[in-house]
């Protein structure tokens, strides 16, 4: 059973209002017995099936929200490297993440074009 506080209901209602009716009805929730990797709180329902190897990284709603509000976009750690764009073969020298697989990296312009 998932218990929502009033602010959670308001957030969910705002989120649901941005989703189409078909998206709301088709959203699958996964039931389980997980623990928050930060505070140890029980997590019983998730909108995704967690990877068993990364279950220790799961966060409860409160810890997730706290992490989002504490994270400033300007404080993002950038990773330096020598990569190539998989679409245009352009040079990529800085990324906001450490790539695991370099075969599908895209430069900023190609990434933006792929999202349109």
PDB file of N, CA and C in Angstrom:
ATOM      1  N   UNK A   1       0.841  -1.174   0.000  1.00  0.00           N
ATOM      2  CA  UNK A   1       0.000   0.000   0.000  1.00  0.00           C
ATOM      3  C   UNK A   1       0.886   1.236   0.000  1.00  0.00           C
ATOM      4  N   UNK A   2       0.558   2.184  -0.817  1.00  0.00           N
ATOM      5  CA  UNK A   2       1.312   3.427  -0.899  1.00  0.00           C
ATOM      6  C   UNK A   2       0.486   4.527  -0.265  1.00  0.00           C
ATOM      7  N   UNK A   3       1.086   5.242   0.663  1.00  0.00           N
ATOM      8  CA  UNK A   3       0.403   6.341   1.336  1.00  0.00           C
ATOM      9  C   UNK A   3       0.985   7.641   0.803  1.00  0.00           C
ATOM     10  N   UNK A   4       0.128   8.523   0.304  1.00  0.00           N
ATOM     11  CA  UNK A   4       0.557   9.803  -0.236  1.00  0.00           C
ATOM     12  C   UNK A   4       0.148  10.914   0.725  1.00  0.00           C
ATOM     13  N   UNK A   5       1.009  11.862   0.924  1.00  0.00           N
ATOM     14  CA  UNK A   5       0.670  13.055   1.679  1.00  0.00           C
ATOM     15  C   UNK A   5      -0.044  14.016   0.744  1.00  0.00           C
ATOM     16  N   UNK A   6      -0.605  15.081   1.310  1.00  0.00           N
ATOM     17  CA  UNK A   6      -1.343  16.056   0.514  1.00  0.00           C
ATOM     18  C   UNK A   6      -0.475  16.651  -0.585  1.00  0.00           C
ATOM     19  N   UNK A   7       0.786  17.011  -0.264  1.00  0.00           N
ATOM     20  CA  UNK A   7       1.644  17.604  -1.294  1.00  0.00           C
ATOM     21  C   UNK A   7       1.934  16.601  -2.403  1.00  0.00           C
ATOM     22  N   UNK A   8       2.013  15.296  -2.071  1.00  0.00           N
ATOM     23  CA  UNK A   8       2.223  14.278  -3.091  1.00  0.00           C
ATOM     24  C   UNK A   8       1.019  14.200  -4.024  1.00  0.00           C
ATOM     25  N   UNK A   9      -0.181  14.328  -3.458  1.00  0.00           N
ATOM     26  CA  UNK A   9      -1.384  14.289  -4.287  1.00  0.00           C
ATOM     27  C   UNK A   9      -1.414  15.472  -5.243  1.00  0.00           C
ATOM     28  N   UNK A  10      -1.036  16.638  -4.749  1.00  0.00           N
ATOM     29  CA  UNK A  10      -1.012  17.820  -5.609  1.00  0.00           C
ATOM     30  C   UNK A  10      -0.009  17.617  -6.731  1.00  0.00           C
ATOM     31  N   UNK A  11       1.190  17.117  -6.387  1.00  0.00           N
ATOM     32  CA  UNK A  11       2.216  16.859  -7.392  1.00  0.00           C
ATOM     33  C   UNK A  11       1.720  15.846  -8.418  1.00  0.00           C
ATOM     34  N   UNK A  12       1.126  14.746  -7.945  1.00  0.00           N
ATOM     35  CA  UNK A  12       0.647  13.715  -8.862  1.00  0.00           C
ATOM     36  C   UNK A  12      -0.457  14.256  -9.759  1.00  0.00           C
ATOM     37  N   UNK A  13      -1.346  15.069  -9.210  1.00  0.00           N
ATOM     38  CA  UNK A  13      -2.418  15.638 -10.030  1.00  0.00           C
ATOM     39  C   UNK A  13      -1.846  16.554 -11.101  1.00  0.00           C
ATOM     40  N   UNK A  14      -0.846  17.363 -10.764  1.00  0.00           N
ATOM     41  CA  UNK A  14      -0.222  18.222 -11.765  1.00  0.00           C
ATOM     42  C   UNK A  14       0.476  17.381 -12.821  1.00  0.00           C
ATOM     43  N   UNK A  15       1.165  16.319 -12.385  1.00  0.00           N
ATOM     44  CA  UNK A  15       1.868  15.446 -13.307  1.00  0.00           C
ATOM     45  C   UNK A  15       0.877  14.752 -14.226  1.00  0.00           C
ATOM     46  N   UNK A  16      -0.194  14.220 -13.659  1.00  0.00           N
ATOM     47  CA  UNK A  16      -1.190  13.511 -14.454  1.00  0.00           C
ATOM     48  C   UNK A  16      -1.881  14.442 -15.444  1.00  0.00           C
ATOM     49  N   UNK A  17      -2.049  15.704 -15.063  1.00  0.00           N
ATOM     50  CA  UNK A  17      -2.720  16.620 -15.979  1.00  0.00           C
ATOM     51  C   UNK A  17      -1.879  16.881 -17.213  1.00  0.00           C
ATOM     52  N   UNK A  18      -0.568  16.691 -17.124  1.00  0.00           N
ATOM     53  CA  UNK A  18       0.311  16.869 -18.273  1.00  0.00           C
ATOM     54  C   UNK A  18       0.351  15.621 -19.150  1.00  0.00           C
ATOM     55  N   UNK A  19      -0.127  14.504 -18.626  1.00  0.00           N
ATOM     56  CA  UNK A  19      -0.127  13.252 -19.373  1.00  0.00           C
ATOM     57  C   UNK A  19      -1.465  13.091 -20.086  1.00  0.00           C
ATOM     58  N   UNK A  20      -1.431  12.477 -21.242  1.00  0.00           N
ATOM     59  CA  UNK A  20      -2.681  12.202 -21.943  1.00  0.00           C
ATOM     60  C   UNK A  20      -3.418  11.079 -21.223  1.00  0.00           C
ATOM     61  N   UNK A  21      -4.717  10.921 -21.527  1.00  0.00           N
ATOM     62  CA  UNK A  21      -5.502   9.871 -20.887  1.00  0.00           C
ATOM     63  C   UNK A  21      -4.919   8.490 -21.161  1.00  0.00           C
ATOM     64  N   UNK A  22      -4.450   8.259 -22.384  1.00  0.00           N
ATOM     65  CA  UNK A  22      -3.903   6.945 -22.710  1.00  0.00           C
ATOM     66  C   UNK A  22      -2.602   6.695 -21.947  1.00  0.00           C
ATOM     67  N   UNK A  23      -1.795   7.738 -21.722  1.00  0.00           N
ATOM     68  CA  UNK A  23      -0.560   7.568 -20.959  1.00  0.00           C
ATOM     69  C   UNK A  23      -0.883   7.247 -19.510  1.00  0.00           C
ATOM     70  N   UNK A  24      -1.894   7.904 -18.929  1.00  0.00           N
ATOM     71  CA  UNK A  24      -2.257   7.662 -17.542  1.00  0.00           C
ATOM     72  C   UNK A  24      -2.783   6.247 -17.350  1.00  0.00           C
ATOM     73  N   UNK A  25      -3.598   5.789 -18.270  1.00  0.00           N
ATOM     74  CA  UNK A  25      -4.197   4.470 -18.136  1.00  0.00           C
ATOM     75  C   UNK A  25      -3.201   3.352 -18.414  1.00  0.00           C
ATOM     76  N   UNK A  26      -2.188   3.605 -19.227  1.00  0.00           N
ATOM     77  CA  UNK A  26      -1.233   2.567 -19.592  1.00  0.00           C
ATOM     78  C   UNK A  26      -0.006   2.529 -18.694  1.00  0.00           C
ATOM     79  N   UNK A  27       0.095   3.430 -17.734  1.00  0.00           N
ATOM     80  CA  UNK A  27       1.276   3.486 -16.887  1.00  0.00           C
ATOM     81  C   UNK A  27       1.300   2.279 -15.961  1.00  0.00           C
ATOM     82  N   UNK A  28       2.354   1.495 -16.088  1.00  0.00           N
ATOM     83  CA  UNK A  28       2.482   0.286 -15.288  1.00  0.00           C
ATOM     84  C   UNK A  28       3.278   0.600 -14.034  1.00  0.00           C
ATOM     85  N   UNK A  29       2.782   0.163 -12.893  1.00  0.00           N
ATOM     86  CA  UNK A  29       3.491   0.331 -11.626  1.00  0.00           C
ATOM     87  C   UNK A  29       3.974  -1.056 -11.190  1.00  0.00           C
ATOM     88  N   UNK A  30       5.192  -1.102 -10.671  1.00  0.00           N
ATOM     89  CA  UNK A  30       5.795  -2.360 -10.245  1.00  0.00           C
ATOM     90  C   UNK A  30       5.782  -2.433  -8.724  1.00  0.00           C
ATOM     91  N   UNK A  31       5.281  -3.547  -8.205  1.00  0.00           N
ATOM     92  CA  UNK A  31       5.195  -3.769  -6.767  1.00  0.00           C
ATOM     93  C   UNK A  31       6.431  -4.543  -6.313  1.00  0.00           C
ATOM     94  N   UNK A  32       6.915  -4.240  -5.116  1.00  0.00           N
ATOM     95  CA  UNK A  32       8.068  -4.948  -4.588  1.00  0.00           C
ATOM     96  C   UNK A  32       8.390  -4.497  -3.184  1.00  0.00           C
ATOM     97  N   UNK A  33       9.452  -5.035  -2.646  1.00  0.00           N
ATOM     98  CA  UNK A  33       9.924  -4.684  -1.311  1.00  0.00           C
ATOM     99  C   UNK A  33      11.358  -4.212  -1.424  1.00  0.00           C
ATOM    100  N   UNK A  34      11.521  -2.910  -1.657  1.00  0.00           N
ATOM    101  CA  UNK A  34      12.844  -2.330  -1.801  1.00  0.00           C
ATOM    102  C   UNK A  34      13.095  -1.376  -0.651  1.00  0.00           C
ATOM    103  N   UNK A  35      14.321  -0.976  -0.481  1.00  0.00           N
ATOM    104  CA  UNK A  35      14.722  -0.014   0.545  1.00  0.00           C
ATOM    105  C   UNK A  35      15.387   1.172  -0.131  1.00  0.00           C
ATOM    106  N   UNK A  36      15.167   2.353   0.424  1.00  0.00           N
ATOM    107  CA  UNK A  36      15.836   3.560  -0.048  1.00  0.00           C
ATOM    108  C   UNK A  36      17.316   3.436   0.292  1.00  0.00           C
ATOM    109  N   UNK A  37      18.167   3.669  -0.684  1.00  0.00           N
ATOM    110  CA  UNK A  37      19.601   3.568  -0.479  1.00  0.00           C
ATOM    111  C   UNK A  37      20.168   4.696   0.357  1.00  0.00           C
ATOM    112  N   UNK A  38      19.375   5.744   0.577  1.00  0.00           N
ATOM    113  CA  UNK A  38      19.862   6.888   1.339  1.00  0.00           C
ATOM    114  C   UNK A  38      19.372   6.869   2.784  1.00  0.00           C
ATOM    115  N   UNK A  39      18.062   6.713   2.987  1.00  0.00           N
ATOM    116  CA  UNK A  39      17.517   6.786   4.352  1.00  0.00           C
ATOM    117  C   UNK A  39      17.017   5.444   4.884  1.00  0.00           C
ATOM    118  N   UNK A  40      16.904   4.430   4.017  1.00  0.00           N
ATOM    119  CA  UNK A  40      16.459   3.110   4.461  1.00  0.00           C
ATOM    120  C   UNK A  40      14.960   2.923   4.503  1.00  0.00           C
ATOM    121  N   UNK A  41      14.181   3.904   4.055  1.00  0.00           N
ATOM    122  CA  UNK A  41      12.723   3.799   4.058  1.00  0.00           C
ATOM    123  C   UNK A  41      12.265   2.706   3.096  1.00  0.00           C
ATOM    124  N   UNK A  42      11.111   2.130   3.393  1.00  0.00           N
ATOM    125  CA  UNK A  42      10.537   1.097   2.535  1.00  0.00           C
ATOM    126  C   UNK A  42       9.992   1.726   1.255  1.00  0.00           C
ATOM    127  N   UNK A  43      10.202   1.049   0.133  1.00  0.00           N
ATOM    128  CA  UNK A  43       9.645   1.443  -1.154  1.00  0.00           C
ATOM    129  C   UNK A  43       8.862   0.232  -1.647  1.00  0.00           C
ATOM    130  N   UNK A  44       7.554   0.417  -1.865  1.00  0.00           N
ATOM    131  CA  UNK A  44       6.710  -0.703  -2.256  1.00  0.00           C
ATOM    132  C   UNK A  44       6.190  -0.619  -3.677  1.00  0.00           C
ATOM    133  N   UNK A  45       6.322   0.553  -4.312  1.00  0.00           N
ATOM    134  CA  UNK A  45       5.785   0.725  -5.655  1.00  0.00           C
ATOM    135  C   UNK A  45       6.672   1.679  -6.440  1.00  0.00           C
ATOM    136  N   UNK A  46       6.981   1.303  -7.668  1.00  0.00           N
ATOM    137  CA  UNK A  46       7.811   2.124  -8.547  1.00  0.00           C
ATOM    138  C   UNK A  46       7.215   2.162  -9.948  1.00  0.00           C
ATOM    139  N   UNK A  47       7.428   3.244 -10.698  1.00  0.00           N
ATOM    140  CA  UNK A  47       6.913   3.320 -12.065  1.00  0.00           C
ATOM    141  C   UNK A  47       7.841   2.646 -13.068  1.00  0.00           C
ATOM    142  N   UNK A  48       8.827   1.901 -12.587  1.00  0.00           N
ATOM    143  CA  UNK A  48       9.759   1.189 -13.452  1.00  0.00           C
ATOM    144  C   UNK A  48      10.235  -0.061 -12.722  1.00  0.00           C
ATOM    145  N   UNK A  49      10.715  -1.029 -13.475  1.00  0.00           N
ATOM    146  CA  UNK A  49      11.279  -2.246 -12.892  1.00  0.00           C
ATOM    147  C   UNK A  49      12.752  -1.973 -12.616  1.00  0.00           C
ATOM    148  N   UNK A  50      13.166  -1.941 -11.345  1.00  0.00           N
ATOM    149  CA  UNK A  50      14.566  -1.608 -11.062  1.00  0.00           C
ATOM    150  C   UNK A  50      15.510  -2.724 -11.462  1.00  0.00           C
ATOM    151  N   UNK A  51      16.700  -2.325 -11.861  1.00  0.00           N
ATOM    152  CA  UNK A  51      17.762  -3.264 -12.186  1.00  0.00           C
ATOM    153  C   UNK A  51      18.260  -3.878 -10.887  1.00  0.00           C
ATOM    154  N   UNK A  52      18.251  -5.219 -10.748  1.00  0.00           N
ATOM    155  CA  UNK A  52      18.682  -5.845  -9.499  1.00  0.00           C
ATOM    156  C   UNK A  52      20.099  -5.449  -9.070  1.00  0.00           C
ATOM    157  N   UNK A  53      20.969  -5.168 -10.026  1.00  0.00           N
ATOM    158  CA  UNK A  53      22.332  -4.786  -9.686  1.00  0.00           C
ATOM    159  C   UNK A  53      22.412  -3.368  -9.125  1.00  0.00           C
ATOM    160  N   UNK A  54      21.365  -2.566  -9.338  1.00  0.00           N
ATOM    161  CA  UNK A  54      21.392  -1.167  -8.889  1.00  0.00           C
ATOM    162  C   UNK A  54      20.330  -0.865  -7.843  1.00  0.00           C
ATOM    163  N   UNK A  55      19.761  -1.890  -7.210  1.00  0.00           N
ATOM    164  CA  UNK A  55      18.713  -1.665  -6.220  1.00  0.00           C
ATOM    165  C   UNK A  55      19.198  -0.841  -5.039  1.00  0.00           C
ATOM    166  N   UNK A  56      20.486  -0.874  -4.738  1.00  0.00           N
ATOM    167  CA  UNK A  56      21.033  -0.077  -3.646  1.00  0.00           C
ATOM    168  C   UNK A  56      21.017   1.410  -3.939  1.00  0.00           C
ATOM    169  N   UNK A  57      20.822   1.773  -5.204  1.00  0.00           N
ATOM    170  CA  UNK A  57      20.792   3.182  -5.605  1.00  0.00           C
ATOM    171  C   UNK A  57      19.383   3.771  -5.606  1.00  0.00           C
ATOM    172  N   UNK A  58      18.365   2.948  -5.328  1.00  0.00           N
ATOM    173  CA  UNK A  58      16.991   3.444  -5.327  1.00  0.00           C
ATOM    174  C   UNK A  58      16.806   4.483  -4.229  1.00  0.00           C
ATOM    175  N   UNK A  59      15.945   5.471  -4.500  1.00  0.00           N
ATOM    176  CA  UNK A  59      15.648   6.493  -3.505  1.00  0.00           C
ATOM    177  C   UNK A  59      14.142   6.589  -3.314  1.00  0.00           C
ATOM    178  N   UNK A  60      13.737   6.819  -2.077  1.00  0.00           N
ATOM    179  CA  UNK A  60      12.321   7.051  -1.802  1.00  0.00           C
ATOM    180  C   UNK A  60      11.938   8.419  -2.353  1.00  0.00           C
ATOM    181  N   UNK A  61      10.670   8.706  -2.373  1.00  0.00           N
ATOM    182  CA  UNK A  61      10.163   9.951  -2.940  1.00  0.00           C
ATOM    183  C   UNK A  61      10.789  11.165  -2.242  1.00  0.00           C
ATOM    184  N   UNK A  62      10.890  11.126  -0.905  1.00  0.00           N
ATOM    185  CA  UNK A  62      11.426  12.269  -0.164  1.00  0.00           C
ATOM    186  C   UNK A  62      12.901  12.503  -0.482  1.00  0.00           C
ATOM    187  N   UNK A  63      13.710  11.450  -0.512  1.00  0.00           N
ATOM    188  CA  UNK A  63      15.134  11.604  -0.813  1.00  0.00           C
ATOM    189  C   UNK A  63      15.342  12.034  -2.261  1.00  0.00           C
ATOM    190  N   UNK A  64      14.504  11.521  -3.168  1.00  0.00           N
ATOM    191  CA  UNK A  64      14.595  11.919  -4.576  1.00  0.00           C
ATOM    192  C   UNK A  64      14.307  13.412  -4.721  1.00  0.00           C
ATOM    193  N   UNK A  65      13.236  13.868  -4.073  1.00  0.00           N
ATOM    194  CA  UNK A  65      12.888  15.294  -4.128  1.00  0.00           C
ATOM    195  C   UNK A  65      13.973  16.158  -3.520  1.00  0.00           C
ATOM    196  N   UNK A  66      14.517  15.728  -2.382  1.00  0.00           N
ATOM    197  CA  UNK A  66      15.578  16.506  -1.731  1.00  0.00           C
ATOM    198  C   UNK A  66      16.796  16.612  -2.643  1.00  0.00           C
ATOM    199  N   UNK A  67      17.114  15.538  -3.349  1.00  0.00           N
ATOM    200  CA  UNK A  67      18.250  15.552  -4.268  1.00  0.00           C
ATOM    201  C   UNK A  67      18.025  16.485  -5.437  1.00  0.00           C
ATOM    202  N   UNK A  68      16.792  16.542  -5.931  1.00  0.00           N
ATOM    203  CA  UNK A  68      16.474  17.418  -7.057  1.00  0.00           C
ATOM    204  C   UNK A  68      16.554  18.877  -6.632  1.00  0.00           C
ATOM    205  N   UNK A  69      16.006  19.196  -5.461  1.00  0.00           N
ATOM    206  CA  UNK A  69      16.010  20.595  -5.030  1.00  0.00           C
ATOM    207  C   UNK A  69      17.406  21.060  -4.628  1.00  0.00           C
ATOM    208  N   UNK A  70      18.263  20.152  -4.175  1.00  0.00           N
ATOM    209  CA  UNK A  70      19.629  20.528  -3.783  1.00  0.00           C
ATOM    210  C   UNK A  70      20.570  20.628  -4.975  1.00  0.00           C
ATOM    211  N   UNK A  71      20.168  20.062  -6.084  1.00  0.00           N
ATOM    212  CA  UNK A  71      21.041  20.012  -7.255  1.00  0.00           C
ATOM    213  C   UNK A  71      20.862  21.279  -8.088  1.00  0.00           C
ATOM    214  N   UNK A  72      21.908  22.036  -8.192  1.00  0.00           N
ATOM    215  CA  UNK A  72      21.877  23.236  -9.032  1.00  0.00           C
ATOM    216  C   UNK A  72      22.470  22.887 -10.390  1.00  0.00           C
ATOM    217  N   UNK A  73      21.863  23.355 -11.435  1.00  0.00           N
ATOM    218  CA  UNK A  73      22.312  23.011 -12.786  1.00  0.00           C
ATOM    219  C   UNK A  73      23.746  23.481 -13.046  1.00  0.00           C
ATOM    220  N   UNK A  74      24.149  24.599 -12.467  1.00  0.00           N
ATOM    221  CA  UNK A  74      25.487  25.125 -12.681  1.00  0.00           C
ATOM    222  C   UNK A  74      26.575  24.342 -11.975  1.00  0.00           C
ATOM    223  N   UNK A  75      26.202  23.536 -10.991  1.00  0.00           N
ATOM    224  CA  UNK A  75      27.184  22.773 -10.221  1.00  0.00           C
ATOM    225  C   UNK A  75      27.479  21.403 -10.824  1.00  0.00           C
ATOM    226  N   UNK A  76      26.979  21.142 -11.987  1.00  0.00           N
ATOM    227  CA  UNK A  76      27.135  19.835 -12.616  1.00  0.00           C
ATOM    228  C   UNK A  76      28.600  19.565 -12.929  1.00  0.00           C
ATOM    229  N   UNK A  77      29.038  18.369 -12.584  1.00  0.00           N
ATOM    230  CA  UNK A  77      30.414  17.975 -12.887  1.00  0.00           C
ATOM    231  C   UNK A  77      30.511  17.603 -14.360  1.00  0.00           C
ATOM    232  N   UNK A  78      31.480  18.171 -15.031  1.00  0.00           N
ATOM    233  CA  UNK A  78      31.693  17.877 -16.440  1.00  0.00           C
ATOM    234  C   UNK A  78      32.896  16.952 -16.586  1.00  0.00           C
ATOM    235  N   UNK A  79      32.812  16.021 -17.516  1.00  0.00           N
ATOM    236  CA  UNK A  79      33.881  15.048 -17.760  1.00  0.00           C
ATOM    237  C   UNK A  79      34.577  15.397 -19.074  1.00  0.00           C
ATOM    238  N   UNK A  80      35.880  15.511 -19.010  1.00  0.00           N
ATOM    239  CA  UNK A  80      36.691  15.851 -20.183  1.00  0.00           C
ATOM    240  C   UNK A  80      37.100  14.568 -20.905  1.00  0.00           C
ATOM    241  N   UNK A  81      37.178  14.618 -22.212  1.00  0.00           N
ATOM    242  CA  UNK A  81      37.578  13.447 -22.981  1.00  0.00           C
ATOM    243  C   UNK A  81      37.728  13.785 -24.451  1.00  0.00           C
ATOM    244  N   UNK A  82      37.969  12.753 -25.229  1.00  0.00           N
ATOM    245  CA  UNK A  82      38.160  12.883 -26.667  1.00  0.00           C
ATOM    246  C   UNK A  82      37.231  11.876 -27.349  1.00  0.00           C
ATOM    247  N   UNK A  83      35.973  12.279 -27.604  1.00  0.00           N
ATOM    248  CA  UNK A  83      34.991  11.379 -28.186  1.00  0.00           C
ATOM    249  C   UNK A  83      34.532  11.922 -29.528  1.00  0.00           C
ATOM    250  N   UNK A  84      33.818  11.081 -30.287  1.00  0.00           N
ATOM    251  CA  UNK A  84      33.249  11.501 -31.572  1.00  0.00           C
ATOM    252  C   UNK A  84      31.750  11.287 -31.561  1.00  0.00           C
ATOM    253  N   UNK A  85      31.041  12.196 -32.212  1.00  0.00           N
ATOM    254  CA  UNK A  85      29.595  12.099 -32.362  1.00  0.00           C
ATOM    255  C   UNK A  85      29.280  10.927 -33.284  1.00  0.00           C
ATOM    256  N   UNK A  86      28.321  10.097 -32.894  1.00  0.00           N
ATOM    257  CA  UNK A  86      27.956   8.935 -33.708  1.00  0.00           C
ATOM    258  C   UNK A  86      27.149   9.325 -34.945  1.00  0.00           C
ATOM    259  N   UNK A  87      26.599  10.549 -34.974  1.00  0.00           N
ATOM    260  CA  UNK A  87      25.794  10.988 -36.119  1.00  0.00           C
ATOM    261  C   UNK A  87      26.616  11.764 -37.147  1.00  0.00           C
ATOM    262  N   UNK A  88      27.379  12.764 -36.687  1.00  0.00           N
ATOM    263  CA  UNK A  88      28.065  13.653 -37.635  1.00  0.00           C
ATOM    264  C   UNK A  88      29.594  13.530 -37.568  1.00  0.00           C
ATOM    265  N   UNK A  89      30.103  12.654 -36.734  1.00  0.00           N
ATOM    266  CA  UNK A  89      31.549  12.456 -36.534  1.00  0.00           C
ATOM    267  C   UNK A  89      32.259  13.705 -36.016  1.00  0.00           C
ATOM    268  N   UNK A  90      31.510  14.651 -35.446  1.00  0.00           N
ATOM    269  CA  UNK A  90      32.105  15.842 -34.856  1.00  0.00           C
ATOM    270  C   UNK A  90      32.810  15.498 -33.550  1.00  0.00           C
ATOM    271  N   UNK A  91      33.666  16.368 -33.117  1.00  0.00           N
ATOM    272  CA  UNK A  91      34.447  16.166 -31.900  1.00  0.00           C
ATOM    273  C   UNK A  91      33.620  16.532 -30.664  1.00  0.00           C
ATOM    274  N   UNK A  92      33.702  15.696 -29.638  1.00  0.00           N
ATOM    275  CA  UNK A  92      33.066  15.956 -28.347  1.00  0.00           C
ATOM    276  C   UNK A  92      34.182  15.943 -27.312  1.00  0.00           C
ATOM    277  N   UNK A  93      34.347  17.044 -26.599  1.00  0.00           N
ATOM    278  CA  UNK A  93      35.439  17.133 -25.627  1.00  0.00           C
ATOM    279  C   UNK A  93      34.960  17.223 -24.190  1.00  0.00           C
ATOM    280  N   UNK A  94      33.652  17.457 -23.989  1.00  0.00           N
ATOM    281  CA  UNK A  94      33.137  17.611 -22.630  1.00  0.00           C
ATOM    282  C   UNK A  94      31.719  17.061 -22.556  1.00  0.00           C
ATOM    283  N   UNK A  95      31.451  16.265 -21.514  1.00  0.00           N
ATOM    284  CA  UNK A  95      30.128  15.683 -21.310  1.00  0.00           C
ATOM    285  C   UNK A  95      29.714  15.858 -19.854  1.00  0.00           C
ATOM    286  N   UNK A  96      28.397  15.945 -19.576  1.00  0.00           N
ATOM    287  CA  UNK A  96      27.927  16.063 -18.195  1.00  0.00           C
ATOM    288  C   UNK A  96      27.842  14.697 -17.492  1.00  0.00           C
ATOM    289  N   UNK A  97      28.369  13.661 -18.104  1.00  0.00           N
ATOM    290  CA  UNK A  97      28.359  12.315 -17.524  1.00  0.00           C
ATOM    291  C   UNK A  97      29.570  11.562 -18.040  1.00  0.00           C
ATOM    292  N   UNK A  98      29.931  10.499 -17.356  1.00  0.00           N
ATOM    293  CA  UNK A  98      31.016   9.620 -17.800  1.00  0.00           C
ATOM    294  C   UNK A  98      30.396   8.542 -18.682  1.00  0.00           C
ATOM    295  N   UNK A  99      30.679   8.529 -19.985  1.00  0.00           N
ATOM    296  CA  UNK A  99      30.014   7.565 -20.869  1.00  0.00           C
ATOM    297  C   UNK A  99      30.474   6.129 -20.604  1.00  0.00           C
ATOM    298  N   UNK A 100      29.513   5.209 -20.575  1.00  0.00           N
ATOM    299  CA  UNK A 100      29.833   3.783 -20.437  1.00  0.00           C
ATOM    300  C   UNK A 100      30.169   3.192 -21.801  1.00  0.00           C
ATOM    301  N   UNK A 101      29.373   3.620 -22.788  1.00  0.00           N
ATOM    302  CA  UNK A 101      29.541   3.132 -24.159  1.00  0.00           C
ATOM    303  C   UNK A 101      29.686   4.351 -25.054  1.00  0.00           C
ATOM    304  N   UNK A 102      30.738   4.406 -25.814  1.00  0.00           N
ATOM    305  CA  UNK A 102      30.985   5.579 -26.649  1.00  0.00           C
ATOM    306  C   UNK A 102      30.425   5.434 -28.059  1.00  0.00           C
ATOM    307  N   UNK A 103      29.801   4.315 -28.373  1.00  0.00           N
ATOM    308  CA  UNK A 103      29.297   4.076 -29.721  1.00  0.00           C
ATOM    309  C   UNK A 103      28.052   4.861 -30.081  1.00  0.00           C
ATOM    310  N   UNK A 104      27.330   5.386 -29.088  1.00  0.00           N
ATOM    311  CA  UNK A 104      26.083   6.087 -29.392  1.00  0.00           C
ATOM    312  C   UNK A 104      26.084   7.525 -28.879  1.00  0.00           C
ATOM    313  N   UNK A 105      27.243   8.101 -28.643  1.00  0.00           N
ATOM    314  CA  UNK A 105      27.320   9.486 -28.186  1.00  0.00           C
ATOM    315  C   UNK A 105      26.936  10.448 -29.299  1.00  0.00           C
ATOM    316  N   UNK A 106      26.275  11.553 -28.930  1.00  0.00           N
ATOM    317  CA  UNK A 106      25.913  12.578 -29.901  1.00  0.00           C
ATOM    318  C   UNK A 106      26.375  13.932 -29.400  1.00  0.00           C
ATOM    319  N   UNK A 107      26.796  14.772 -30.331  1.00  0.00           N
ATOM    320  CA  UNK A 107      27.148  16.150 -29.980  1.00  0.00           C
ATOM    321  C   UNK A 107      25.859  16.886 -29.609  1.00  0.00           C
ATOM    322  N   UNK A 108      25.999  18.055 -29.044  1.00  0.00           N
ATOM    323  CA  UNK A 108      24.848  18.833 -28.577  1.00  0.00           C
ATOM    324  C   UNK A 108      23.852  19.096 -29.706  1.00  0.00           C
ATOM    325  N   UNK A 109      24.341  19.478 -30.874  1.00  0.00           N
ATOM    326  CA  UNK A 109      23.437  19.794 -31.992  1.00  0.00           C
ATOM    327  C   UNK A 109      22.670  18.562 -32.475  1.00  0.00           C
ATOM    328  N   UNK A 110      23.363  17.439 -32.645  1.00  0.00           N
ATOM    329  CA  UNK A 110      22.701  16.219 -33.098  1.00  0.00           C
ATOM    330  C   UNK A 110      21.710  15.716 -32.056  1.00  0.00           C
ATOM    331  N   UNK A 111      22.061  15.851 -30.779  1.00  0.00           N
ATOM    332  CA  UNK A 111      21.144  15.421 -29.712  1.00  0.00           C
ATOM    333  C   UNK A 111      19.875  16.266 -29.748  1.00  0.00           C
ATOM    334  N   UNK A 112      20.010  17.577 -29.870  1.00  0.00           N
ATOM    335  CA  UNK A 112      18.844  18.455 -29.937  1.00  0.00           C
ATOM    336  C   UNK A 112      17.982  18.127 -31.158  1.00  0.00           C
ATOM    337  N   UNK A 113      18.607  17.890 -32.298  1.00  0.00           N
ATOM    338  CA  UNK A 113      17.857  17.555 -33.511  1.00  0.00           C
ATOM    339  C   UNK A 113      17.115  16.222 -33.363  1.00  0.00           C
ATOM    340  N   UNK A 114      17.685  15.278 -32.648  1.00  0.00           N
ATOM    341  CA  UNK A 114      17.050  13.972 -32.470  1.00  0.00           C
ATOM    342  C   UNK A 114      15.839  14.053 -31.545  1.00  0.00           C
ATOM    343  N   UNK A 115      15.763  15.092 -30.702  1.00  0.00           N
ATOM    344  CA  UNK A 115      14.680  15.252 -29.744  1.00  0.00           C
ATOM    345  C   UNK A 115      13.485  15.963 -30.353  1.00  0.00           C
ATOM    346  N   UNK A 116      13.617  16.534 -31.553  1.00  0.00           N
ATOM    347  CA  UNK A 116      12.522  17.292 -32.167  1.00  0.00           C
ATOM    348  C   UNK A 116      11.603  16.423 -32.948  1.00  0.00           C
TER     349      UNK A 116
END
